[in-house]
Amino acid sequence: MNFEKLSIPLAFLTVLLVWTTTPLAIQWSSEGAPMTSAFYRMTIGMVFCVTVMLITQGRLPLSRESRRIYLVGGISIFLGTALFYSSAQLIPSGWVAVVFGLSPLITGVFSAIVEPEAKLTPSRVFGLLLGLSGLALVFSAGLRFEDASILGLAYSAVAVTITSAASVYSRQLVKDQSITGLQITAGSLIVALPLFMVTAYLVKPGLSATFSSSAAYGVLYLGLMGSGVGFTLYYFLLKRVSASKISLVGLVTPITALTLGAVLNNEPVIANVYYGAILVCTGLIFYEFKPRLGLRRM
């Protein structure tokens, strides 16, 4: 059995699970102190990754190329996570996942600029327009839900744009480097942690926060699975497949995360949000899978 071929789909499935559960776990773990929660999450993730790395792979590479990878990864982790944590305080977790579902489309636009194989064909442009139409439906639901929803959706949209651009740039940096996903994650979290610490201190001086047992479990889960395992597998995939293909995990997460939020967190079921999620997923099908469906012409 070819372990390399098997490891890629297993990594995709694990990343799908992590991305589906992360928005709801963020809501449960924040409890009014989102940046403090994010700081503790990244601390747990960094300690986990550095410990496993030292045991299994030795020291952290510190070449010029490696430091650039850590810098890009750390800044993108900080900006994307901080914005997602902020948005999760203002909108239901499933809505965050729907906006995040645009990641393959936005990543595809950036990929088309730097990766020759990722051209914006007519079918991909059509898929992108469908996805943006879905986003418009979600924003229209936010207008009727409450005033803060628009700000929360805007935070999520900016976060997706930042992480999508960073994933394409990181792909160019890591694809020819002899550095593992675990090392990239450890180095990126080392860069990101001071940024989270300063932000958490400025938002809630003293980094003090009282967490319930469920919130503490949420922080632990996000630290180990979201930051440790999730980021490591993300960079593992990034070294082996294009950024646009990795982001196709977003094809499923809008629906699964909406369902999870409605069932476990009693989040409101608003028709326009689900219609928007369906449009986003349909747009992704046209964007990536149209030739396989036999639809050679529009």
C-alpha atoms as a PDB file:
ATOM      1  CA  MET A   1       0.000   0.000   0.000  1.00  0.00           C
ATOM      2  CA  ASN A   2       1.335   3.443  -0.957  1.00  0.00           C
ATOM      3  CA  PHE A   3       1.234   5.379   2.320  1.00  0.00           C
ATOM      4  CA  GLU A   4       1.870   8.693   0.557  1.00  0.00           C
ATOM      5  CA  LYS A   5      -1.245   8.289  -1.614  1.00  0.00           C
ATOM      6  CA  LEU A   6      -3.331   7.220   1.378  1.00  0.00           C
ATOM      7  CA  SER A   7      -2.036   9.996   3.630  1.00  0.00           C
ATOM      8  CA  ILE A   8      -3.281  12.786   1.352  1.00  0.00           C
ATOM      9  CA  PRO A   9      -7.000  11.818   1.426  1.00  0.00           C
ATOM     10  CA  LEU A  10      -6.774  11.109   5.166  1.00  0.00           C
ATOM     11  CA  ALA A  11      -5.270  14.554   5.666  1.00  0.00           C
ATOM     12  CA  PHE A  12      -8.092  16.090   3.614  1.00  0.00           C
ATOM     13  CA  LEU A  13     -10.724  14.313   5.729  1.00  0.00           C
ATOM     14  CA  THR A  14      -9.103  15.429   8.962  1.00  0.00           C
ATOM     15  CA  VAL A  15      -8.853  19.031   7.786  1.00  0.00           C
ATOM     16  CA  LEU A  16     -12.530  18.848   6.779  1.00  0.00           C
ATOM     17  CA  LEU A  17     -13.462  17.716  10.293  1.00  0.00           C
ATOM     18  CA  VAL A  18     -11.364  20.443  11.896  1.00  0.00           C
ATOM     19  CA  TRP A  19     -12.685  23.219   9.640  1.00  0.00           C
ATOM     20  CA  THR A  20     -16.283  22.072  10.195  1.00  0.00           C
ATOM     21  CA  THR A  21     -16.035  22.171  13.977  1.00  0.00           C
ATOM     22  CA  THR A  22     -13.748  25.200  14.386  1.00  0.00           C
ATOM     23  CA  PRO A  23     -16.371  28.007  14.041  1.00  0.00           C
ATOM     24  CA  LEU A  24     -18.618  26.465  16.712  1.00  0.00           C
ATOM     25  CA  ALA A  25     -15.646  25.668  18.974  1.00  0.00           C
ATOM     26  CA  ILE A  26     -14.528  29.300  18.684  1.00  0.00           C
ATOM     27  CA  GLN A  27     -17.939  30.500  19.873  1.00  0.00           C
ATOM     28  CA  TRP A  28     -18.029  28.062  22.760  1.00  0.00           C
ATOM     29  CA  SER A  29     -14.483  28.816  23.894  1.00  0.00           C
ATOM     30  CA  SER A  30     -14.518  32.628  23.705  1.00  0.00           C
ATOM     31  CA  GLU A  31     -17.081  33.601  26.383  1.00  0.00           C
ATOM     32  CA  GLY A  32     -16.588  37.348  26.067  1.00  0.00           C
ATOM     33  CA  ALA A  33     -12.780  37.203  25.874  1.00  0.00           C
ATOM     34  CA  PRO A  34     -12.066  36.106  22.280  1.00  0.00           C
ATOM     35  CA  MET A  35      -8.480  37.349  22.053  1.00  0.00           C
ATOM     36  CA  THR A  36      -7.520  35.822  25.392  1.00  0.00           C
ATOM     37  CA  SER A  37      -9.080  32.549  24.259  1.00  0.00           C
ATOM     38  CA  ALA A  38      -7.152  32.755  20.978  1.00  0.00           C
ATOM     39  CA  PHE A  39      -3.902  33.426  22.867  1.00  0.00           C
ATOM     40  CA  TYR A  40      -4.348  30.363  25.091  1.00  0.00           C
ATOM     41  CA  ARG A  41      -5.301  28.279  22.063  1.00  0.00           C
ATOM     42  CA  MET A  42      -2.138  29.277  20.186  1.00  0.00           C
ATOM     43  CA  THR A  43      -0.022  28.674  23.302  1.00  0.00           C
ATOM     44  CA  ILE A  44      -1.337  25.115  23.570  1.00  0.00           C
ATOM     45  CA  GLY A  45      -0.857  24.588  19.838  1.00  0.00           C
ATOM     46  CA  MET A  46       2.706  25.907  19.878  1.00  0.00           C
ATOM     47  CA  VAL A  47       3.751  23.806  22.899  1.00  0.00           C
ATOM     48  CA  PHE A  48       2.216  20.720  21.297  1.00  0.00           C
ATOM     49  CA  CYS A  49       3.859  21.258  17.901  1.00  0.00           C
ATOM     50  CA  VAL A  50       7.279  22.219  19.253  1.00  0.00           C
ATOM     51  CA  THR A  51       7.312  19.219  21.626  1.00  0.00           C
ATOM     52  CA  VAL A  52       6.341  16.724  18.920  1.00  0.00           C
ATOM     53  CA  MET A  53       8.782  18.326  16.489  1.00  0.00           C
ATOM     54  CA  LEU A  54      11.716  18.137  18.899  1.00  0.00           C
ATOM     55  CA  ILE A  55      10.963  14.495  19.657  1.00  0.00           C
ATOM     56  CA  THR A  56      10.417  13.321  16.082  1.00  0.00           C
ATOM     57  CA  GLN A  57      12.315  15.719  13.832  1.00  0.00           C
ATOM     58  CA  GLY A  58      14.910  17.530  15.900  1.00  0.00           C
ATOM     59  CA  ARG A  59      15.539  21.255  15.730  1.00  0.00           C
ATOM     60  CA  LEU A  60      13.604  23.908  13.870  1.00  0.00           C
ATOM     61  CA  PRO A  61      15.202  24.891  10.512  1.00  0.00           C
ATOM     62  CA  LEU A  62      16.340  28.531  10.615  1.00  0.00           C
ATOM     63  CA  SER A  63      17.529  29.201   7.091  1.00  0.00           C
ATOM     64  CA  ARG A  64      16.573  32.452   5.394  1.00  0.00           C
ATOM     65  CA  GLU A  65      13.876  30.690   3.343  1.00  0.00           C
ATOM     66  CA  SER A  66      12.498  28.957   6.430  1.00  0.00           C
ATOM     67  CA  ARG A  67      12.272  32.208   8.390  1.00  0.00           C
ATOM     68  CA  ARG A  68      10.332  33.797   5.528  1.00  0.00           C
ATOM     69  CA  ILE A  69       7.875  30.871   5.557  1.00  0.00           C
ATOM     70  CA  TYR A  70       7.368  31.231   9.325  1.00  0.00           C
ATOM     71  CA  LEU A  71       6.869  34.975   9.021  1.00  0.00           C
ATOM     72  CA  VAL A  72       4.216  34.680   6.307  1.00  0.00           C
ATOM     73  CA  GLY A  73       2.504  31.804   8.113  1.00  0.00           C
ATOM     74  CA  GLY A  74       2.576  33.505  11.508  1.00  0.00           C
ATOM     75  CA  ILE A  75       1.178  36.811  10.291  1.00  0.00           C
ATOM     76  CA  SER A  76      -1.578  35.119   8.268  1.00  0.00           C
ATOM     77  CA  ILE A  77      -2.513  32.903  11.230  1.00  0.00           C
ATOM     78  CA  PHE A  78      -2.714  35.949  13.495  1.00  0.00           C
ATOM     79  CA  LEU A  79      -4.737  38.153  11.150  1.00  0.00           C
ATOM     80  CA  GLY A  80      -7.088  35.420   9.948  1.00  0.00           C
ATOM     81  CA  THR A  81      -7.710  33.931  13.399  1.00  0.00           C
ATOM     82  CA  ALA A  82      -8.166  37.300  15.122  1.00  0.00           C
ATOM     83  CA  LEU A  83     -10.753  38.339  12.530  1.00  0.00           C
ATOM     84  CA  PHE A  84     -12.569  34.998  12.702  1.00  0.00           C
ATOM     85  CA  TYR A  85     -12.695  35.176  16.506  1.00  0.00           C
ATOM     86  CA  SER A  86     -14.090  38.711  16.272  1.00  0.00           C
ATOM     87  CA  SER A  87     -16.714  37.700  13.720  1.00  0.00           C
ATOM     88  CA  ALA A  88     -17.793  34.678  15.797  1.00  0.00           C
ATOM     89  CA  GLN A  89     -18.880  37.084  18.561  1.00  0.00           C
ATOM     90  CA  LEU A  90     -21.273  38.839  16.174  1.00  0.00           C
ATOM     91  CA  ILE A  91     -22.760  36.156  13.909  1.00  0.00           C
ATOM     92  CA  PRO A  92     -23.720  32.454  14.226  1.00  0.00           C
ATOM     93  CA  SER A  93     -20.874  29.999  13.712  1.00  0.00           C
ATOM     94  CA  GLY A  94     -22.494  28.515  10.597  1.00  0.00           C
ATOM     95  CA  TRP A  95     -22.472  31.909   8.913  1.00  0.00           C
ATOM     96  CA  VAL A  96     -18.722  32.137   9.450  1.00  0.00           C
ATOM     97  CA  ALA A  97     -18.354  28.777   7.715  1.00  0.00           C
ATOM     98  CA  VAL A  98     -20.456  29.907   4.738  1.00  0.00           C
ATOM     99  CA  VAL A  99     -18.208  32.934   4.194  1.00  0.00           C
ATOM    100  CA  PHE A 100     -15.174  30.699   4.678  1.00  0.00           C
ATOM    101  CA  GLY A 101     -16.634  28.478   1.957  1.00  0.00           C
ATOM    102  CA  LEU A 102     -15.627  31.185  -0.512  1.00  0.00           C
ATOM    103  CA  SER A 103     -11.994  30.357   0.202  1.00  0.00           C
ATOM    104  CA  PRO A 104     -11.561  28.056  -2.854  1.00  0.00           C
ATOM    105  CA  LEU A 105     -12.926  30.721  -5.168  1.00  0.00           C
ATOM    106  CA  ILE A 106     -10.832  33.543  -3.736  1.00  0.00           C
ATOM    107  CA  THR A 107      -7.796  31.264  -3.619  1.00  0.00           C
ATOM    108  CA  GLY A 108      -8.433  30.408  -7.263  1.00  0.00           C
ATOM    109  CA  VAL A 109      -8.334  34.073  -8.245  1.00  0.00           C
ATOM    110  CA  PHE A 110      -4.988  34.549  -6.510  1.00  0.00           C
ATOM    111  CA  SER A 111      -3.688  31.234  -7.880  1.00  0.00           C
ATOM    112  CA  ALA A 112      -4.522  32.293 -11.431  1.00  0.00           C
ATOM    113  CA  ILE A 113      -2.054  35.138 -11.003  1.00  0.00           C
ATOM    114  CA  VAL A 114       0.925  33.010  -9.930  1.00  0.00           C
ATOM    115  CA  GLU A 115       0.129  29.426 -10.990  1.00  0.00           C
ATOM    116  CA  PRO A 116      -0.157  28.817 -14.778  1.00  0.00           C
ATOM    117  CA  GLU A 117      -2.253  25.671 -14.292  1.00  0.00           C
ATOM    118  CA  ALA A 118      -4.935  27.602 -12.417  1.00  0.00           C
ATOM    119  CA  LYS A 119      -6.390  29.656 -15.261  1.00  0.00           C
ATOM    120  CA  LEU A 120      -9.691  31.495 -14.906  1.00  0.00           C
ATOM    121  CA  THR A 121     -11.704  29.703 -17.577  1.00  0.00           C
ATOM    122  CA  PRO A 122     -15.314  30.713 -18.395  1.00  0.00           C
ATOM    123  CA  SER A 123     -16.667  27.945 -16.157  1.00  0.00           C
ATOM    124  CA  ARG A 124     -14.492  29.105 -13.275  1.00  0.00           C
ATOM    125  CA  VAL A 125     -15.613  32.693 -13.715  1.00  0.00           C
ATOM    126  CA  PHE A 126     -19.214  31.460 -13.677  1.00  0.00           C
ATOM    127  CA  GLY A 127     -18.504  29.496 -10.494  1.00  0.00           C
ATOM    128  CA  LEU A 128     -16.927  32.563  -8.912  1.00  0.00           C
ATOM    129  CA  LEU A 129     -20.006  34.652  -9.747  1.00  0.00           C
ATOM    130  CA  LEU A 130     -22.263  32.002  -8.207  1.00  0.00           C
ATOM    131  CA  GLY A 131     -20.169  32.032  -5.048  1.00  0.00           C
ATOM    132  CA  LEU A 132     -20.294  35.802  -4.791  1.00  0.00           C
ATOM    133  CA  SER A 133     -24.071  35.648  -5.304  1.00  0.00           C
ATOM    134  CA  GLY A 134     -24.237  33.250  -2.364  1.00  0.00           C
ATOM    135  CA  LEU A 135     -22.221  35.675  -0.265  1.00  0.00           C
ATOM    136  CA  ALA A 136     -24.639  38.457  -1.223  1.00  0.00           C
ATOM    137  CA  LEU A 137     -27.550  36.337   0.038  1.00  0.00           C
ATOM    138  CA  VAL A 138     -25.795  35.785   3.352  1.00  0.00           C
ATOM    139  CA  PHE A 139     -25.163  39.526   3.698  1.00  0.00           C
ATOM    140  CA  SER A 140     -28.840  40.205   2.922  1.00  0.00           C
ATOM    141  CA  ALA A 141     -29.784  37.847   5.750  1.00  0.00           C
ATOM    142  CA  GLY A 142     -27.414  39.750   8.017  1.00  0.00           C
ATOM    143  CA  LEU A 143     -29.168  43.023   7.206  1.00  0.00           C
ATOM    144  CA  ARG A 144     -32.433  41.595   8.460  1.00  0.00           C
ATOM    145  CA  PHE A 145     -30.961  39.730  11.429  1.00  0.00           C
ATOM    146  CA  GLU A 146     -29.264  42.437  13.466  1.00  0.00           C
ATOM    147  CA  ASP A 147     -27.007  45.428  12.886  1.00  0.00           C
ATOM    148  CA  ALA A 148     -23.845  43.757  14.213  1.00  0.00           C
ATOM    149  CA  SER A 149     -24.171  40.922  11.702  1.00  0.00           C
ATOM    150  CA  ILE A 150     -22.860  43.005   8.812  1.00  0.00           C
ATOM    151  CA  LEU A 151     -19.687  43.832  10.744  1.00  0.00           C
ATOM    152  CA  GLY A 152     -19.248  40.159  11.646  1.00  0.00           C
ATOM    153  CA  LEU A 153     -19.687  39.098   8.024  1.00  0.00           C
ATOM    154  CA  ALA A 154     -17.232  41.780   6.920  1.00  0.00           C
ATOM    155  CA  TYR A 155     -14.637  40.494   9.418  1.00  0.00           C
ATOM    156  CA  SER A 156     -15.069  36.977   8.010  1.00  0.00           C
ATOM    157  CA  ALA A 157     -14.788  38.164   4.401  1.00  0.00           C
ATOM    158  CA  VAL A 158     -11.546  40.041   5.114  1.00  0.00           C
ATOM    159  CA  ALA A 159     -10.177  37.036   7.018  1.00  0.00           C
ATOM    160  CA  VAL A 160     -10.919  34.699   4.094  1.00  0.00           C
ATOM    161  CA  THR A 161      -9.234  37.070   1.655  1.00  0.00           C
ATOM    162  CA  ILE A 162      -6.105  37.306   3.812  1.00  0.00           C
ATOM    163  CA  THR A 163      -5.796  33.562   4.413  1.00  0.00           C
ATOM    164  CA  SER A 164      -6.467  32.759   0.739  1.00  0.00           C
ATOM    165  CA  ALA A 165      -3.763  35.136  -0.464  1.00  0.00           C
ATOM    166  CA  ALA A 166      -1.349  33.852   2.177  1.00  0.00           C
ATOM    167  CA  SER A 167      -2.003  30.213   1.216  1.00  0.00           C
ATOM    168  CA  VAL A 168      -1.097  30.881  -2.424  1.00  0.00           C
ATOM    169  CA  TYR A 169       2.058  32.777  -1.465  1.00  0.00           C
ATOM    170  CA  SER A 170       3.031  30.134   1.097  1.00  0.00           C
ATOM    171  CA  ARG A 171       2.587  27.430  -1.547  1.00  0.00           C
ATOM    172  CA  GLN A 172       5.212  29.156  -3.684  1.00  0.00           C
ATOM    173  CA  LEU A 173       7.570  29.337  -0.704  1.00  0.00           C
ATOM    174  CA  VAL A 174       7.243  25.768   0.596  1.00  0.00           C
ATOM    175  CA  LYS A 175       6.784  23.577  -2.487  1.00  0.00           C
ATOM    176  CA  ASP A 176      10.522  23.238  -3.197  1.00  0.00           C
ATOM    177  CA  GLN A 177      11.789  23.362   0.396  1.00  0.00           C
ATOM    178  CA  SER A 178      12.840  20.351   2.477  1.00  0.00           C
ATOM    179  CA  ILE A 179      10.761  21.372   5.478  1.00  0.00           C
ATOM    180  CA  THR A 180       7.888  19.452   7.048  1.00  0.00           C
ATOM    181  CA  GLY A 181       4.364  20.629   7.794  1.00  0.00           C
ATOM    182  CA  LEU A 182       5.025  20.224  11.523  1.00  0.00           C
ATOM    183  CA  GLN A 183       8.115  22.427  11.351  1.00  0.00           C
ATOM    184  CA  ILE A 184       6.226  25.083   9.384  1.00  0.00           C
ATOM    185  CA  THR A 185       3.396  25.033  11.925  1.00  0.00           C
ATOM    186  CA  ALA A 186       5.765  25.242  14.888  1.00  0.00           C
ATOM    187  CA  GLY A 187       7.700  28.146  13.371  1.00  0.00           C
ATOM    188  CA  SER A 188       4.543  29.988  12.305  1.00  0.00           C
ATOM    189  CA  LEU A 189       2.980  29.656  15.768  1.00  0.00           C
ATOM    190  CA  ILE A 190       6.190  30.941  17.380  1.00  0.00           C
ATOM    191  CA  VAL A 191       5.852  34.051  15.197  1.00  0.00           C
ATOM    192  CA  ALA A 192       2.105  34.402  15.796  1.00  0.00           C
ATOM    193  CA  LEU A 193       2.077  33.881  19.577  1.00  0.00           C
ATOM    194  CA  PRO A 194       3.595  37.265  20.596  1.00  0.00           C
ATOM    195  CA  LEU A 195       1.089  39.026  18.327  1.00  0.00           C
ATOM    196  CA  PHE A 196      -1.790  37.243  20.056  1.00  0.00           C
ATOM    197  CA  MET A 197      -0.317  37.965  23.479  1.00  0.00           C
ATOM    198  CA  VAL A 198       0.001  41.711  22.841  1.00  0.00           C
ATOM    199  CA  THR A 199      -3.472  41.907  21.298  1.00  0.00           C
ATOM    200  CA  ALA A 200      -5.070  39.942  24.138  1.00  0.00           C
ATOM    201  CA  TYR A 201      -3.334  42.118  26.723  1.00  0.00           C
ATOM    202  CA  LEU A 202      -4.489  45.344  25.054  1.00  0.00           C
ATOM    203  CA  VAL A 203      -8.073  44.089  24.755  1.00  0.00           C
ATOM    204  CA  LYS A 204      -8.224  42.595  28.258  1.00  0.00           C
ATOM    205  CA  PRO A 205      -5.253  43.763  30.340  1.00  0.00           C
ATOM    206  CA  GLY A 206      -3.585  41.076  32.400  1.00  0.00           C
ATOM    207  CA  LEU A 207      -4.676  38.270  30.061  1.00  0.00           C
ATOM    208  CA  SER A 208      -7.201  37.296  32.738  1.00  0.00           C
ATOM    209  CA  ALA A 209     -10.409  35.498  31.871  1.00  0.00           C
ATOM    210  CA  THR A 210     -12.652  33.015  33.651  1.00  0.00           C
ATOM    211  CA  PHE A 211     -13.612  30.092  31.451  1.00  0.00           C
ATOM    212  CA  SER A 212     -16.323  27.535  32.107  1.00  0.00           C
ATOM    213  CA  SER A 213     -15.464  23.864  31.767  1.00  0.00           C
ATOM    214  CA  SER A 214     -17.005  23.723  28.268  1.00  0.00           C
ATOM    215  CA  ALA A 215     -15.022  26.794  27.191  1.00  0.00           C
ATOM    216  CA  ALA A 216     -11.824  25.296  28.595  1.00  0.00           C
ATOM    217  CA  TYR A 217     -12.436  22.100  26.638  1.00  0.00           C
ATOM    218  CA  GLY A 218     -13.060  24.248  23.554  1.00  0.00           C
ATOM    219  CA  VAL A 219      -9.733  26.035  23.990  1.00  0.00           C
ATOM    220  CA  LEU A 220      -7.953  22.706  24.485  1.00  0.00           C
ATOM    221  CA  TYR A 221      -9.612  21.220  21.390  1.00  0.00           C
ATOM    222  CA  LEU A 222      -8.739  24.242  19.245  1.00  0.00           C
ATOM    223  CA  GLY A 223      -5.177  24.260  20.562  1.00  0.00           C
ATOM    224  CA  LEU A 224      -4.512  20.590  19.839  1.00  0.00           C
ATOM    225  CA  MET A 225      -6.748  19.920  16.840  1.00  0.00           C
ATOM    226  CA  GLY A 226      -7.330  23.367  15.328  1.00  0.00           C
ATOM    227  CA  SER A 227      -3.812  24.748  15.688  1.00  0.00           C
ATOM    228  CA  GLY A 228      -1.656  21.660  16.201  1.00  0.00           C
ATOM    229  CA  VAL A 229      -3.108  18.945  13.978  1.00  0.00           C
ATOM    230  CA  GLY A 230      -5.119  21.203  11.636  1.00  0.00           C
ATOM    231  CA  PHE A 231      -2.316  23.618  10.723  1.00  0.00           C
ATOM    232  CA  THR A 232       0.220  20.784  10.454  1.00  0.00           C
ATOM    233  CA  LEU A 233      -1.926  18.822   8.009  1.00  0.00           C
ATOM    234  CA  TYR A 234      -2.725  22.013   6.104  1.00  0.00           C
ATOM    235  CA  TYR A 235       0.979  22.681   5.494  1.00  0.00           C
ATOM    236  CA  PHE A 236       1.527  18.968   4.812  1.00  0.00           C
ATOM    237  CA  LEU A 237      -1.010  19.232   1.980  1.00  0.00           C
ATOM    238  CA  LEU A 238       0.319  22.589   0.824  1.00  0.00           C
ATOM    239  CA  LYS A 239       3.666  20.980   0.021  1.00  0.00           C
ATOM    240  CA  ARG A 240       1.998  18.288  -2.096  1.00  0.00           C
ATOM    241  CA  VAL A 241      -0.992  19.836  -3.868  1.00  0.00           C
ATOM    242  CA  SER A 242      -1.948  23.321  -5.050  1.00  0.00           C
ATOM    243  CA  ALA A 243      -3.497  25.846  -2.686  1.00  0.00           C
ATOM    244  CA  SER A 244      -6.684  25.915  -4.773  1.00  0.00           C
ATOM    245  CA  LYS A 245      -7.182  22.150  -4.325  1.00  0.00           C
ATOM    246  CA  ILE A 246      -6.684  22.346  -0.554  1.00  0.00           C
ATOM    247  CA  SER A 247      -9.282  25.056  -0.286  1.00  0.00           C
ATOM    248  CA  LEU A 248     -11.841  22.702  -1.887  1.00  0.00           C
ATOM    249  CA  VAL A 249     -12.483  21.424   1.629  1.00  0.00           C
ATOM    250  CA  GLY A 250     -14.707  24.510   1.712  1.00  0.00           C
ATOM    251  CA  LEU A 251     -16.994  22.711  -0.748  1.00  0.00           C
ATOM    252  CA  VAL A 252     -18.528  20.800   2.167  1.00  0.00           C
ATOM    253  CA  THR A 253     -17.932  22.896   5.278  1.00  0.00           C
ATOM    254  CA  PRO A 254     -20.668  25.536   4.713  1.00  0.00           C
ATOM    255  CA  ILE A 255     -23.423  22.924   4.889  1.00  0.00           C
ATOM    256  CA  THR A 256     -21.874  20.763   7.614  1.00  0.00           C
ATOM    257  CA  ALA A 257     -21.063  23.741   9.830  1.00  0.00           C
ATOM    258  CA  LEU A 258     -24.539  25.266   9.385  1.00  0.00           C
ATOM    259  CA  THR A 259     -26.117  21.962  10.367  1.00  0.00           C
ATOM    260  CA  LEU A 260     -23.772  21.538  13.332  1.00  0.00           C
ATOM    261  CA  GLY A 261     -24.526  25.051  14.614  1.00  0.00           C
ATOM    262  CA  ALA A 262     -28.288  24.563  14.276  1.00  0.00           C
ATOM    263  CA  VAL A 263     -28.284  21.173  16.030  1.00  0.00           C
ATOM    264  CA  LEU A 264     -25.736  21.759  18.791  1.00  0.00           C
ATOM    265  CA  ASN A 265     -25.978  25.512  19.358  1.00  0.00           C
ATOM    266  CA  ASN A 266     -29.614  26.289  18.457  1.00  0.00           C
ATOM    267  CA  GLU A 267     -28.473  28.819  15.861  1.00  0.00           C
ATOM    268  CA  PRO A 268     -31.229  30.445  13.775  1.00  0.00           C
ATOM    269  CA  VAL A 269     -32.148  28.697  10.546  1.00  0.00           C
ATOM    270  CA  ILE A 270     -32.488  31.536   8.029  1.00  0.00           C
ATOM    271  CA  ALA A 271     -33.441  30.565   4.491  1.00  0.00           C
ATOM    272  CA  ASN A 272     -31.163  33.070   2.736  1.00  0.00           C
ATOM    273  CA  VAL A 273     -28.114  31.741   4.582  1.00  0.00           C
ATOM    274  CA  TYR A 274     -28.817  28.190   3.424  1.00  0.00           C
ATOM    275  CA  TYR A 275     -29.580  29.369  -0.106  1.00  0.00           C
ATOM    276  CA  GLY A 276     -26.306  31.259  -0.019  1.00  0.00           C
ATOM    277  CA  ALA A 277     -24.459  28.139   1.141  1.00  0.00           C
ATOM    278  CA  ILE A 278     -25.991  26.142  -1.723  1.00  0.00           C
ATOM    279  CA  LEU A 279     -24.916  28.795  -4.233  1.00  0.00           C
ATOM    280  CA  VAL A 280     -21.387  28.790  -2.814  1.00  0.00           C
ATOM    281  CA  CYS A 281     -21.167  24.993  -3.081  1.00  0.00           C
ATOM    282  CA  THR A 282     -22.652  25.009  -6.602  1.00  0.00           C
ATOM    283  CA  GLY A 283     -20.165  27.668  -7.618  1.00  0.00           C
ATOM    284  CA  LEU A 284     -17.348  25.467  -6.333  1.00  0.00           C
ATOM    285  CA  ILE A 285     -18.615  22.538  -8.400  1.00  0.00           C
ATOM    286  CA  PHE A 286     -18.556  24.659 -11.563  1.00  0.00           C
ATOM    287  CA  TYR A 287     -15.195  26.098 -10.571  1.00  0.00           C
ATOM    288  CA  GLU A 288     -13.330  22.834 -10.083  1.00  0.00           C
ATOM    289  CA  PHE A 289     -15.340  19.833 -11.266  1.00  0.00           C
ATOM    290  CA  LYS A 290     -17.191  20.987 -14.407  1.00  0.00           C
ATOM    291  CA  PRO A 291     -14.974  19.052 -16.895  1.00  0.00           C
ATOM    292  CA  ARG A 292     -15.449  15.855 -14.892  1.00  0.00           C
ATOM    293  CA  LEU A 293     -19.221  16.230 -15.148  1.00  0.00           C
ATOM    294  CA  GLY A 294     -18.965  16.251 -18.926  1.00  0.00           C
ATOM    295  CA  LEU A 295     -20.094  19.883 -19.247  1.00  0.00           C
ATOM    296  CA  ARG A 296     -17.445  20.883 -21.760  1.00  0.00           C
ATOM    297  CA  ARG A 297     -19.229  24.037 -22.873  1.00  0.00           C
ATOM    298  CA  MET A 298     -21.338  26.579 -21.026  1.00  0.00           C
END
